[in-house]
């Protein structure tokens, strides 16, 4: 995992590496691993599935805890109890798997069928990191056609957007996950990109995009992350054929009701 998602891409204070389990490398060498599960988020259904697979290691994109917890109650306590009961070690590959060449954002571009031209560097936790990708799109593609194409490739029924549907999509930035801030959106505009695709949108971002006249396209966050973690599972299976790897498909925690025909 350190080879696939190097520590050089871990921003300050980001949760990465062994999150639960033995962190001492000498002791790790004495622990045998025969089954590994890979997921996007660690949830109770994921832990139960990992137990059914008899997985001793769970590799996740996101930690279930976003900050230091002084005492464990409620859901955090429940998650830890289930993990410890099943003796599952947890390893987190977060920003580093999104940034590295061949990682989450490159896989998202490949899934969408877009050619990657360059990285999109953003300020993040005291550094400047290649978090996003800039991509080429087919010529004469307006926003409506672009949204319909993305919807078909990612198999999502609805997509949020800001912009005129007739405007052309020419210079594109993609950042998987919740990969946008007002600062990053402004940076894309300053660098001459006319479209920003990610997995998150807010009223503040929509208002900013509308004023800057940069098109903003947001598919469900998980949809942008599933391809990268699925691909990670395939890579690990090739690298370690003696181990059984399973990718646990996430379940969406909310639904969208299309009330209009």
C-alpha atoms as a PDB file:
ATOM      1  CA  UNK A   1       0.000   0.000   0.000  1.00  0.00           C
ATOM      2  CA  UNK A   2       2.883   2.369   0.681  1.00  0.00           C
ATOM      3  CA  UNK A   3       4.132   1.681  -2.847  1.00  0.00           C
ATOM      4  CA  UNK A   4       0.716   2.275  -4.399  1.00  0.00           C
ATOM      5  CA  UNK A   5      -0.198   5.272  -2.213  1.00  0.00           C
ATOM      6  CA  UNK A   6       3.067   6.865  -1.035  1.00  0.00           C
ATOM      7  CA  UNK A   7       3.320   8.822   2.199  1.00  0.00           C
ATOM      8  CA  UNK A   8       4.671  11.820   0.265  1.00  0.00           C
ATOM      9  CA  UNK A   9       1.070  12.497  -0.791  1.00  0.00           C
ATOM     10  CA  UNK A  10      -0.297  12.539   2.754  1.00  0.00           C
ATOM     11  CA  UNK A  11      -1.160  16.097   3.839  1.00  0.00           C
ATOM     12  CA  UNK A  12      -0.491  17.249   7.373  1.00  0.00           C
ATOM     13  CA  UNK A  13      -3.029  15.900   9.896  1.00  0.00           C
ATOM     14  CA  UNK A  14      -4.659  13.560   7.356  1.00  0.00           C
ATOM     15  CA  UNK A  15      -5.575  10.107   8.698  1.00  0.00           C
ATOM     16  CA  UNK A  16      -3.553   7.550   6.749  1.00  0.00           C
ATOM     17  CA  UNK A  17      -1.968   4.136   7.189  1.00  0.00           C
ATOM     18  CA  UNK A  18      -2.741   1.704  10.014  1.00  0.00           C
ATOM     19  CA  UNK A  19      -5.709   3.210  11.819  1.00  0.00           C
ATOM     20  CA  UNK A  20      -6.585   0.263  14.016  1.00  0.00           C
ATOM     21  CA  UNK A  21      -4.210  -2.596  14.739  1.00  0.00           C
ATOM     22  CA  UNK A  22      -0.478  -3.217  15.074  1.00  0.00           C
ATOM     23  CA  UNK A  23       1.530  -0.284  13.701  1.00  0.00           C
ATOM     24  CA  UNK A  24       4.995  -1.661  14.569  1.00  0.00           C
ATOM     25  CA  UNK A  25       6.506  -3.028  11.323  1.00  0.00           C
ATOM     26  CA  UNK A  26       8.481  -5.755  13.085  1.00  0.00           C
ATOM     27  CA  UNK A  27       5.326  -7.091  14.721  1.00  0.00           C
ATOM     28  CA  UNK A  28       3.359  -6.740  11.474  1.00  0.00           C
ATOM     29  CA  UNK A  29       5.690  -9.266   9.816  1.00  0.00           C
ATOM     30  CA  UNK A  30       4.480 -11.916  12.260  1.00  0.00           C
ATOM     31  CA  UNK A  31       0.803 -11.411  11.367  1.00  0.00           C
ATOM     32  CA  UNK A  32      -0.530 -13.614   8.561  1.00  0.00           C
ATOM     33  CA  UNK A  33      -3.147 -12.168   6.190  1.00  0.00           C
ATOM     34  CA  UNK A  34      -5.223 -14.500   4.032  1.00  0.00           C
ATOM     35  CA  UNK A  35      -8.270 -12.355   3.221  1.00  0.00           C
ATOM     36  CA  UNK A  36      -8.556  -8.586   2.700  1.00  0.00           C
ATOM     37  CA  UNK A  37     -11.629  -6.461   2.072  1.00  0.00           C
ATOM     38  CA  UNK A  38     -11.547  -3.035   0.413  1.00  0.00           C
ATOM     39  CA  UNK A  39     -14.241  -0.375   0.864  1.00  0.00           C
ATOM     40  CA  UNK A  40     -14.903   3.330   0.523  1.00  0.00           C
ATOM     41  CA  UNK A  41     -16.340   3.968   4.008  1.00  0.00           C
ATOM     42  CA  UNK A  42     -16.232   1.844   7.150  1.00  0.00           C
ATOM     43  CA  UNK A  43     -19.822   1.197   8.202  1.00  0.00           C
ATOM     44  CA  UNK A  44     -21.506  -1.497  10.262  1.00  0.00           C
ATOM     45  CA  UNK A  45     -22.717  -3.390   7.136  1.00  0.00           C
ATOM     46  CA  UNK A  46     -19.148  -3.289   5.769  1.00  0.00           C
ATOM     47  CA  UNK A  47     -17.711  -4.679   9.012  1.00  0.00           C
ATOM     48  CA  UNK A  48     -20.295  -7.470   9.048  1.00  0.00           C
ATOM     49  CA  UNK A  49     -19.444  -8.376   5.430  1.00  0.00           C
ATOM     50  CA  UNK A  50     -15.731  -8.332   6.237  1.00  0.00           C
ATOM     51  CA  UNK A  51     -16.420 -10.719   9.112  1.00  0.00           C
ATOM     52  CA  UNK A  52     -18.334 -13.038   6.791  1.00  0.00           C
ATOM     53  CA  UNK A  53     -15.348 -13.010   4.417  1.00  0.00           C
ATOM     54  CA  UNK A  54     -13.055 -13.757   7.405  1.00  0.00           C
ATOM     55  CA  UNK A  55     -10.988 -10.727   6.423  1.00  0.00           C
ATOM     56  CA  UNK A  56      -8.234  -9.827   8.862  1.00  0.00           C
ATOM     57  CA  UNK A  57      -7.494  -6.538   7.078  1.00  0.00           C
ATOM     58  CA  UNK A  58      -9.888  -3.836   5.892  1.00  0.00           C
ATOM     59  CA  UNK A  59      -8.542  -1.153   3.536  1.00  0.00           C
ATOM     60  CA  UNK A  60     -10.766   1.930   3.380  1.00  0.00           C
ATOM     61  CA  UNK A  61     -10.654   5.262   1.591  1.00  0.00           C
ATOM     62  CA  UNK A  62     -12.018   7.244   4.514  1.00  0.00           C
ATOM     63  CA  UNK A  63     -11.594   6.915   8.238  1.00  0.00           C
ATOM     64  CA  UNK A  64     -14.861   6.637  10.185  1.00  0.00           C
ATOM     65  CA  UNK A  65     -13.495   9.351  12.493  1.00  0.00           C
ATOM     66  CA  UNK A  66     -12.537  12.762  11.113  1.00  0.00           C
ATOM     67  CA  UNK A  67     -10.787  14.060  14.219  1.00  0.00           C
ATOM     68  CA  UNK A  68      -9.200  12.950  17.483  1.00  0.00           C
ATOM     69  CA  UNK A  69     -11.801  11.355  19.765  1.00  0.00           C
ATOM     70  CA  UNK A  70     -11.218  11.714  23.502  1.00  0.00           C
ATOM     71  CA  UNK A  71     -13.884   9.229  24.529  1.00  0.00           C
ATOM     72  CA  UNK A  72     -15.746   6.603  22.544  1.00  0.00           C
ATOM     73  CA  UNK A  73     -19.525   6.656  22.712  1.00  0.00           C
ATOM     74  CA  UNK A  74     -22.373   6.151  20.285  1.00  0.00           C
ATOM     75  CA  UNK A  75     -21.549   5.049  16.757  1.00  0.00           C
ATOM     76  CA  UNK A  76     -17.717   5.334  17.076  1.00  0.00           C
ATOM     77  CA  UNK A  77     -17.819   2.972  20.054  1.00  0.00           C
ATOM     78  CA  UNK A  78     -20.093   0.565  18.177  1.00  0.00           C
ATOM     79  CA  UNK A  79     -17.804   0.497  15.130  1.00  0.00           C
ATOM     80  CA  UNK A  80     -14.715  -0.131  17.251  1.00  0.00           C
ATOM     81  CA  UNK A  81     -16.443  -2.899  19.206  1.00  0.00           C
ATOM     82  CA  UNK A  82     -17.388  -4.716  15.997  1.00  0.00           C
ATOM     83  CA  UNK A  83     -13.915  -4.311  14.484  1.00  0.00           C
ATOM     84  CA  UNK A  84     -12.145  -5.504  17.624  1.00  0.00           C
ATOM     85  CA  UNK A  85     -14.562  -8.404  18.080  1.00  0.00           C
ATOM     86  CA  UNK A  86     -13.654  -9.653  14.588  1.00  0.00           C
ATOM     87  CA  UNK A  87      -9.941  -8.809  15.035  1.00  0.00           C
ATOM     88  CA  UNK A  88      -9.911  -6.696  11.869  1.00  0.00           C
ATOM     89  CA  UNK A  89      -6.970  -4.383  11.222  1.00  0.00           C
ATOM     90  CA  UNK A  90      -7.948  -1.133   9.465  1.00  0.00           C
ATOM     91  CA  UNK A  91      -5.752   0.647   6.923  1.00  0.00           C
ATOM     92  CA  UNK A  92      -6.713   4.046   5.475  1.00  0.00           C
ATOM     93  CA  UNK A  93      -5.636   5.264   2.022  1.00  0.00           C
ATOM     94  CA  UNK A  94      -7.176   8.701   1.675  1.00  0.00           C
ATOM     95  CA  UNK A  95      -5.702  11.722  -0.120  1.00  0.00           C
ATOM     96  CA  UNK A  96      -2.603   9.799  -1.196  1.00  0.00           C
ATOM     97  CA  UNK A  97      -4.644   7.274  -3.202  1.00  0.00           C
ATOM     98  CA  UNK A  98      -6.555  10.138  -4.813  1.00  0.00           C
ATOM     99  CA  UNK A  99      -3.398  12.064  -5.756  1.00  0.00           C
ATOM    100  CA  UNK A 100      -0.934   9.428  -6.931  1.00  0.00           C
ATOM    101  CA  UNK A 101      -0.569   8.639 -10.621  1.00  0.00           C
ATOM    102  CA  UNK A 102      -2.875   5.733 -11.446  1.00  0.00           C
ATOM    103  CA  UNK A 103      -4.939   6.393  -8.331  1.00  0.00           C
ATOM    104  CA  UNK A 104      -8.527   7.426  -7.737  1.00  0.00           C
ATOM    105  CA  UNK A 105      -8.680  10.500  -9.964  1.00  0.00           C
ATOM    106  CA  UNK A 106      -6.919   8.836 -12.884  1.00  0.00           C
ATOM    107  CA  UNK A 107      -9.298   5.877 -12.585  1.00  0.00           C
ATOM    108  CA  UNK A 108     -12.278   8.255 -12.556  1.00  0.00           C
ATOM    109  CA  UNK A 109     -11.011   9.930 -15.733  1.00  0.00           C
ATOM    110  CA  UNK A 110     -10.510   6.519 -17.354  1.00  0.00           C
ATOM    111  CA  UNK A 111     -14.002   5.405 -16.304  1.00  0.00           C
ATOM    112  CA  UNK A 112     -15.417   8.542 -17.893  1.00  0.00           C
ATOM    113  CA  UNK A 113     -13.378   7.948 -21.037  1.00  0.00           C
ATOM    114  CA  UNK A 114     -11.474  11.248 -20.759  1.00  0.00           C
ATOM    115  CA  UNK A 115      -7.804  11.722 -21.599  1.00  0.00           C
ATOM    116  CA  UNK A 116      -5.792  13.153 -18.692  1.00  0.00           C
ATOM    117  CA  UNK A 117      -3.669  16.125 -19.749  1.00  0.00           C
ATOM    118  CA  UNK A 118      -2.168  17.236 -16.440  1.00  0.00           C
ATOM    119  CA  UNK A 119      -2.672  17.403 -12.690  1.00  0.00           C
ATOM    120  CA  UNK A 120      -4.710  20.094 -10.973  1.00  0.00           C
ATOM    121  CA  UNK A 121      -2.740  21.249  -7.950  1.00  0.00           C
ATOM    122  CA  UNK A 122      -4.567  22.668  -4.940  1.00  0.00           C
ATOM    123  CA  UNK A 123      -3.529  24.168  -1.597  1.00  0.00           C
ATOM    124  CA  UNK A 124      -4.283  21.627   1.110  1.00  0.00           C
ATOM    125  CA  UNK A 125      -3.259  21.527   4.781  1.00  0.00           C
ATOM    126  CA  UNK A 126      -0.066  23.516   4.415  1.00  0.00           C
ATOM    127  CA  UNK A 127       1.052  22.125   1.057  1.00  0.00           C
ATOM    128  CA  UNK A 128       0.334  22.178  -2.652  1.00  0.00           C
ATOM    129  CA  UNK A 129      -0.852  18.812  -3.926  1.00  0.00           C
ATOM    130  CA  UNK A 130      -1.806  17.208  -7.281  1.00  0.00           C
ATOM    131  CA  UNK A 131      -5.297  16.310  -6.112  1.00  0.00           C
ATOM    132  CA  UNK A 132      -7.275  16.757  -9.344  1.00  0.00           C
ATOM    133  CA  UNK A 133      -6.837  16.077 -13.055  1.00  0.00           C
ATOM    134  CA  UNK A 134      -7.342  18.226 -16.122  1.00  0.00           C
ATOM    135  CA  UNK A 135      -8.909  16.388 -19.036  1.00  0.00           C
ATOM    136  CA  UNK A 136      -9.762  16.636 -22.706  1.00  0.00           C
ATOM    137  CA  UNK A 137     -13.354  16.221 -23.824  1.00  0.00           C
ATOM    138  CA  UNK A 138     -14.675  15.589 -27.336  1.00  0.00           C
ATOM    139  CA  UNK A 139     -15.037  18.719 -29.454  1.00  0.00           C
ATOM    140  CA  UNK A 140     -18.399  20.449 -29.727  1.00  0.00           C
ATOM    141  CA  UNK A 141     -19.717  19.102 -26.423  1.00  0.00           C
ATOM    142  CA  UNK A 142     -22.198  21.378 -24.695  1.00  0.00           C
ATOM    143  CA  UNK A 143     -23.087  21.111 -21.011  1.00  0.00           C
ATOM    144  CA  UNK A 144     -26.304  19.188 -21.619  1.00  0.00           C
ATOM    145  CA  UNK A 145     -24.532  16.567 -23.755  1.00  0.00           C
ATOM    146  CA  UNK A 146     -21.703  16.392 -21.212  1.00  0.00           C
ATOM    147  CA  UNK A 147     -24.092  15.751 -18.305  1.00  0.00           C
ATOM    148  CA  UNK A 148     -25.970  13.075 -20.243  1.00  0.00           C
ATOM    149  CA  UNK A 149     -22.665  11.396 -21.122  1.00  0.00           C
ATOM    150  CA  UNK A 150     -21.406  11.432 -17.501  1.00  0.00           C
ATOM    151  CA  UNK A 151     -24.756  10.129 -16.279  1.00  0.00           C
ATOM    152  CA  UNK A 152     -24.535   7.182 -18.675  1.00  0.00           C
ATOM    153  CA  UNK A 153     -20.891   6.354 -17.930  1.00  0.00           C
ATOM    154  CA  UNK A 154     -21.314   6.476 -14.145  1.00  0.00           C
ATOM    155  CA  UNK A 155     -24.832   5.021 -14.183  1.00  0.00           C
ATOM    156  CA  UNK A 156     -26.439   7.799 -12.134  1.00  0.00           C
ATOM    157  CA  UNK A 157     -30.013   8.972 -12.800  1.00  0.00           C
ATOM    158  CA  UNK A 158     -29.557  12.584 -11.712  1.00  0.00           C
ATOM    159  CA  UNK A 159     -26.730  15.116 -11.691  1.00  0.00           C
ATOM    160  CA  UNK A 160     -26.563  18.566 -10.093  1.00  0.00           C
ATOM    161  CA  UNK A 161     -25.109  21.349 -12.191  1.00  0.00           C
ATOM    162  CA  UNK A 162     -24.590  25.093 -12.521  1.00  0.00           C
ATOM    163  CA  UNK A 163     -24.381  26.735 -15.946  1.00  0.00           C
ATOM    164  CA  UNK A 164     -26.106  27.188 -19.268  1.00  0.00           C
ATOM    165  CA  UNK A 165     -26.888  23.815 -20.852  1.00  0.00           C
ATOM    166  CA  UNK A 166     -26.049  25.179 -24.301  1.00  0.00           C
ATOM    167  CA  UNK A 167     -22.566  26.415 -23.334  1.00  0.00           C
ATOM    168  CA  UNK A 168     -19.581  24.426 -24.600  1.00  0.00           C
ATOM    169  CA  UNK A 169     -17.451  22.263 -22.304  1.00  0.00           C
ATOM    170  CA  UNK A 170     -13.864  22.758 -23.431  1.00  0.00           C
ATOM    171  CA  UNK A 171     -11.399  22.785 -20.518  1.00  0.00           C
ATOM    172  CA  UNK A 172     -12.300  20.350 -17.739  1.00  0.00           C
ATOM    173  CA  UNK A 173     -11.104  19.739 -14.167  1.00  0.00           C
ATOM    174  CA  UNK A 174     -12.180  16.612 -12.288  1.00  0.00           C
ATOM    175  CA  UNK A 175     -11.658  15.959  -8.582  1.00  0.00           C
ATOM    176  CA  UNK A 176     -13.189  12.847  -7.051  1.00  0.00           C
ATOM    177  CA  UNK A 177     -15.065  12.765  -3.775  1.00  0.00           C
ATOM    178  CA  UNK A 178     -15.903  15.948  -1.914  1.00  0.00           C
ATOM    179  CA  UNK A 179     -13.177  17.538  -3.981  1.00  0.00           C
ATOM    180  CA  UNK A 180     -14.033  21.209  -4.086  1.00  0.00           C
ATOM    181  CA  UNK A 181     -13.724  24.357  -2.009  1.00  0.00           C
ATOM    182  CA  UNK A 182     -14.447  27.977  -2.967  1.00  0.00           C
ATOM    183  CA  UNK A 183     -10.672  28.480  -3.224  1.00  0.00           C
ATOM    184  CA  UNK A 184     -10.197  25.511  -5.569  1.00  0.00           C
ATOM    185  CA  UNK A 185     -13.125  26.571  -7.756  1.00  0.00           C
ATOM    186  CA  UNK A 186     -11.667  30.064  -8.056  1.00  0.00           C
ATOM    187  CA  UNK A 187      -8.261  28.584  -8.857  1.00  0.00           C
ATOM    188  CA  UNK A 188      -9.769  26.561 -11.719  1.00  0.00           C
ATOM    189  CA  UNK A 189     -11.425  29.719 -13.065  1.00  0.00           C
ATOM    190  CA  UNK A 190      -8.185  31.723 -12.830  1.00  0.00           C
ATOM    191  CA  UNK A 191      -6.365  28.989 -14.780  1.00  0.00           C
ATOM    192  CA  UNK A 192      -8.926  29.177 -17.572  1.00  0.00           C
ATOM    193  CA  UNK A 193     -10.937  26.006 -16.959  1.00  0.00           C
ATOM    194  CA  UNK A 194     -14.597  26.349 -17.873  1.00  0.00           C
ATOM    195  CA  UNK A 195     -15.984  23.180 -16.220  1.00  0.00           C
ATOM    196  CA  UNK A 196     -15.395  21.564 -12.814  1.00  0.00           C
ATOM    197  CA  UNK A 197     -16.670  18.031 -12.116  1.00  0.00           C
ATOM    198  CA  UNK A 198     -16.725  16.611  -8.612  1.00  0.00           C
ATOM    199  CA  UNK A 199     -18.945  14.819  -6.098  1.00  0.00           C
ATOM    200  CA  UNK A 200     -20.149  17.742  -4.002  1.00  0.00           C
ATOM    201  CA  UNK A 201     -22.108  20.961  -4.387  1.00  0.00           C
ATOM    202  CA  UNK A 202     -23.449  23.558  -1.949  1.00  0.00           C
ATOM    203  CA  UNK A 203     -25.442  26.766  -2.264  1.00  0.00           C
ATOM    204  CA  UNK A 204     -22.240  28.743  -1.658  1.00  0.00           C
ATOM    205  CA  UNK A 205     -20.359  26.917  -4.418  1.00  0.00           C
ATOM    206  CA  UNK A 206     -23.291  27.167  -6.817  1.00  0.00           C
ATOM    207  CA  UNK A 207     -23.536  30.919  -6.238  1.00  0.00           C
ATOM    208  CA  UNK A 208     -19.797  31.342  -6.764  1.00  0.00           C
ATOM    209  CA  UNK A 209     -19.781  29.242  -9.945  1.00  0.00           C
ATOM    210  CA  UNK A 210     -22.724  31.191 -11.341  1.00  0.00           C
ATOM    211  CA  UNK A 211     -20.954  34.517 -10.784  1.00  0.00           C
ATOM    212  CA  UNK A 212     -17.651  33.286 -12.228  1.00  0.00           C
ATOM    213  CA  UNK A 213     -19.530  31.689 -15.147  1.00  0.00           C
ATOM    214  CA  UNK A 214     -17.693  28.405 -14.631  1.00  0.00           C
ATOM    215  CA  UNK A 215     -19.825  25.314 -15.136  1.00  0.00           C
ATOM    216  CA  UNK A 216     -20.076  23.099 -12.060  1.00  0.00           C
ATOM    217  CA  UNK A 217     -21.132  19.451 -12.373  1.00  0.00           C
ATOM    218  CA  UNK A 218     -21.654  17.291  -9.273  1.00  0.00           C
ATOM    219  CA  UNK A 219     -22.471  13.582  -9.324  1.00  0.00           C
ATOM    220  CA  UNK A 220     -23.088  11.675  -6.063  1.00  0.00           C
ATOM    221  CA  UNK A 221     -19.823  11.621  -4.072  1.00  0.00           C
ATOM    222  CA  UNK A 222     -19.642   7.840  -3.714  1.00  0.00           C
ATOM    223  CA  UNK A 223     -20.066   7.436  -7.471  1.00  0.00           C
ATOM    224  CA  UNK A 224     -16.775   9.248  -8.046  1.00  0.00           C
ATOM    225  CA  UNK A 225     -14.926   7.099  -5.489  1.00  0.00           C
ATOM    226  CA  UNK A 226     -16.188   3.585  -6.211  1.00  0.00           C
ATOM    227  CA  UNK A 227     -14.153   3.120  -9.444  1.00  0.00           C
ATOM    228  CA  UNK A 228     -10.878   4.005  -7.701  1.00  0.00           C
ATOM    229  CA  UNK A 229     -11.364   1.628  -4.764  1.00  0.00           C
ATOM    230  CA  UNK A 230     -12.591  -1.141  -7.052  1.00  0.00           C
ATOM    231  CA  UNK A 231      -9.469  -0.683  -9.170  1.00  0.00           C
ATOM    232  CA  UNK A 232      -7.283  -0.746  -6.040  1.00  0.00           C
ATOM    233  CA  UNK A 233      -8.763  -4.152  -5.187  1.00  0.00           C
ATOM    234  CA  UNK A 234      -7.846  -5.482  -8.640  1.00  0.00           C
ATOM    235  CA  UNK A 235      -4.286  -4.153  -8.391  1.00  0.00           C
ATOM    236  CA  UNK A 236      -3.761  -5.688  -4.957  1.00  0.00           C
ATOM    237  CA  UNK A 237      -5.078  -9.050  -6.155  1.00  0.00           C
ATOM    238  CA  UNK A 238      -2.449  -9.066  -8.920  1.00  0.00           C
ATOM    239  CA  UNK A 239       0.311  -7.938  -6.546  1.00  0.00           C
ATOM    240  CA  UNK A 240      -0.608 -10.504  -3.864  1.00  0.00           C
ATOM    241  CA  UNK A 241      -2.223 -13.517  -5.601  1.00  0.00           C
ATOM    242  CA  UNK A 242      -1.881 -15.669  -2.485  1.00  0.00           C
ATOM    243  CA  UNK A 243      -4.402 -13.423  -0.678  1.00  0.00           C
ATOM    244  CA  UNK A 244      -8.144 -13.218  -1.377  1.00  0.00           C
ATOM    245  CA  UNK A 245      -9.357  -9.653  -1.998  1.00  0.00           C
ATOM    246  CA  UNK A 246     -12.980  -8.495  -2.004  1.00  0.00           C
ATOM    247  CA  UNK A 247     -14.360  -5.067  -2.841  1.00  0.00           C
ATOM    248  CA  UNK A 248     -17.428  -4.272  -0.766  1.00  0.00           C
ATOM    249  CA  UNK A 249     -19.797  -2.109  -2.785  1.00  0.00           C
ATOM    250  CA  UNK A 250     -21.084   0.762  -0.653  1.00  0.00           C
ATOM    251  CA  UNK A 251     -24.759   1.364  -0.041  1.00  0.00           C
ATOM    252  CA  UNK A 252     -25.975   4.914  -0.499  1.00  0.00           C
ATOM    253  CA  UNK A 253     -27.271   6.434   2.727  1.00  0.00           C
ATOM    254  CA  UNK A 254     -29.822   8.595   0.938  1.00  0.00           C
ATOM    255  CA  UNK A 255     -31.976   8.453  -2.183  1.00  0.00           C
ATOM    256  CA  UNK A 256     -33.222  10.908  -4.796  1.00  0.00           C
ATOM    257  CA  UNK A 257     -36.898  10.973  -5.684  1.00  0.00           C
ATOM    258  CA  UNK A 258     -37.567  12.178  -9.221  1.00  0.00           C
ATOM    259  CA  UNK A 259     -40.929  13.910  -8.797  1.00  0.00           C
ATOM    260  CA  UNK A 260     -41.121  15.275 -12.336  1.00  0.00           C
ATOM    261  CA  UNK A 261     -41.407  13.108 -15.477  1.00  0.00           C
END
